[in-house]
Structures are given as C-alpha cells and as structure tokens.
C-alpha cells in the first residue's frame, strides 16, 4: 500500500492530475481513509459487544449459583439450634 504522499505524487504525475484538482484528490483520499477507519471501529465495537455479552452470561450464571447457595445456607441455619 502506498503512502499518502506517494499516492498524491503518482496522481500529480498520472492521469488523475489533469482531471481533478489536487484538493479534490486529497479529499477523496481522506474520505477513503475515514471510511476504512470507521469499518475497523465497527469491527472493534462488535467484538467488544460479543465479549461483554459473554461476561454478562457468566455473571448471570454465577448470580444464580450464589442464590442457590444462599438458599441452602439459610435452610442450614434454620435447622441449627439457637445459642443458649
């Protein structure tokens, strides 16, 4: 992949230089770069959401387990005699 200066230089020397003004070419390159960054950001956000859903599922499982343990402990404490 060419660097930005390389791309602009080749456009000045190539067939784009005579058709588009330099600032229009720079703008289109910038739009393309921005679009690529947005696609990468979208991918990162989707991955983060998937990982958060996994954490939430794990937390829900642990919460359910703690609720069962709390119920069991309450039943055990109910059977124990009170202090004299």
Protein backbone atom coordinates (compact mmCIF):
# COMPACT_ATOMS: atom_id res chain seq x y z
CA UNK A 1 0.00 0.00 0.00
CA UNK A 2 1.43 3.38 -0.99
CA UNK A 3 1.87 6.13 1.49
CA UNK A 4 -0.33 9.20 1.17
CA UNK A 5 2.49 11.29 -0.33
CA UNK A 6 3.24 8.51 -2.80
CA UNK A 7 -0.40 8.31 -3.83
CA UNK A 8 -0.66 12.07 -4.23
CA UNK A 9 2.60 12.22 -6.16
CA UNK A 10 1.51 9.48 -8.53
CA UNK A 11 -1.79 11.28 -9.08
CA UNK A 12 0.03 14.51 -9.89
CA UNK A 13 2.12 12.70 -12.47
CA UNK A 14 -0.56 10.31 -13.69
CA UNK A 15 -3.92 10.66 -15.34
CA UNK A 16 -5.74 11.99 -12.24
CA UNK A 17 -3.66 15.15 -12.05
CA UNK A 18 -5.16 16.70 -15.11
CA UNK A 19 -8.77 15.73 -14.34
CA UNK A 20 -9.18 16.55 -10.63
CA UNK A 21 -7.77 19.49 -8.70
CA UNK A 22 -5.25 18.46 -6.04
CA UNK A 23 -7.51 19.39 -3.11
CA UNK A 24 -10.33 17.19 -4.52
CA UNK A 25 -7.95 14.23 -4.77
CA UNK A 26 -6.76 14.83 -1.19
CA UNK A 27 -10.39 15.00 -0.06
CA UNK A 28 -11.27 11.67 -1.73
CA UNK A 29 -8.21 10.01 -0.20
CA UNK A 30 -9.26 11.38 3.18
CA UNK A 31 -12.81 10.06 2.68
CA UNK A 32 -11.44 6.63 1.85
CA UNK A 33 -9.18 6.62 4.89
CA UNK A 34 -12.06 7.74 7.10
CA UNK A 35 -14.30 5.00 5.69
CA UNK A 36 -11.63 2.38 6.40
CA UNK A 37 -11.21 3.64 9.97
CA UNK A 38 -14.97 3.52 10.52
CA UNK A 39 -15.09 -0.08 9.28
CA UNK A 40 -12.29 -1.01 11.69
CA UNK A 41 -14.04 0.80 14.53
CA UNK A 42 -17.30 -1.02 13.77
CA UNK A 43 -15.47 -4.37 13.92
CA UNK A 44 -13.87 -3.49 17.24
CA UNK A 45 -17.20 -2.37 18.68
CA UNK A 46 -18.93 -5.58 17.55
CA UNK A 47 -16.16 -7.66 19.12
CA UNK A 48 -16.43 -5.71 22.38
CA UNK A 49 -20.21 -6.24 22.48
CA UNK A 50 -19.75 -10.00 21.96
CA UNK A 51 -17.22 -10.16 24.79
CA UNK A 52 -19.49 -8.12 27.09
CA UNK A 53 -22.41 -10.46 26.35
CA UNK A 54 -20.18 -13.39 27.34
CA UNK A 55 -19.25 -11.66 30.59
CA UNK A 56 -22.90 -10.92 31.28
CA UNK A 57 -23.87 -14.56 30.67
CA UNK A 58 -21.12 -15.72 33.04
CA UNK A 59 -22.20 -13.21 35.67
CA UNK A 60 -25.82 -14.38 35.39
CA UNK A 61 -24.70 -18.00 35.89
CA UNK A 62 -22.65 -17.07 38.97
CA UNK A 63 -25.51 -15.00 40.38
CA UNK A 64 -27.88 -17.95 40.03
CA UNK A 65 -25.35 -20.22 41.74
CA UNK A 66 -24.89 -17.77 44.63
CA UNK A 67 -28.67 -17.53 45.02
CA UNK A 68 -28.88 -21.33 45.36
CA UNK A 69 -26.03 -21.34 47.89
CA UNK A 70 -27.72 -18.59 49.88
CA UNK A 71 -30.94 -20.58 49.98
CA UNK A 72 -29.08 -23.70 51.11
CA UNK A 73 -27.25 -21.79 53.83
CA UNK A 74 -30.49 -20.25 55.06
CA UNK A 75 -32.02 -23.74 55.34
CA UNK A 76 -28.98 -25.00 57.27
CA UNK A 77 -29.08 -22.02 59.63
CA UNK A 78 -32.79 -22.57 60.22
CA UNK A 79 -32.07 -26.12 61.44
CA UNK A 80 -29.33 -25.11 63.85
CA UNK A 81 -30.31 -24.55 67.45
CA UNK A 82 -30.17 -21.03 68.77
CA UNK A 83 -27.40 -20.01 71.18
CA UNK A 84 -28.15 -20.77 74.82
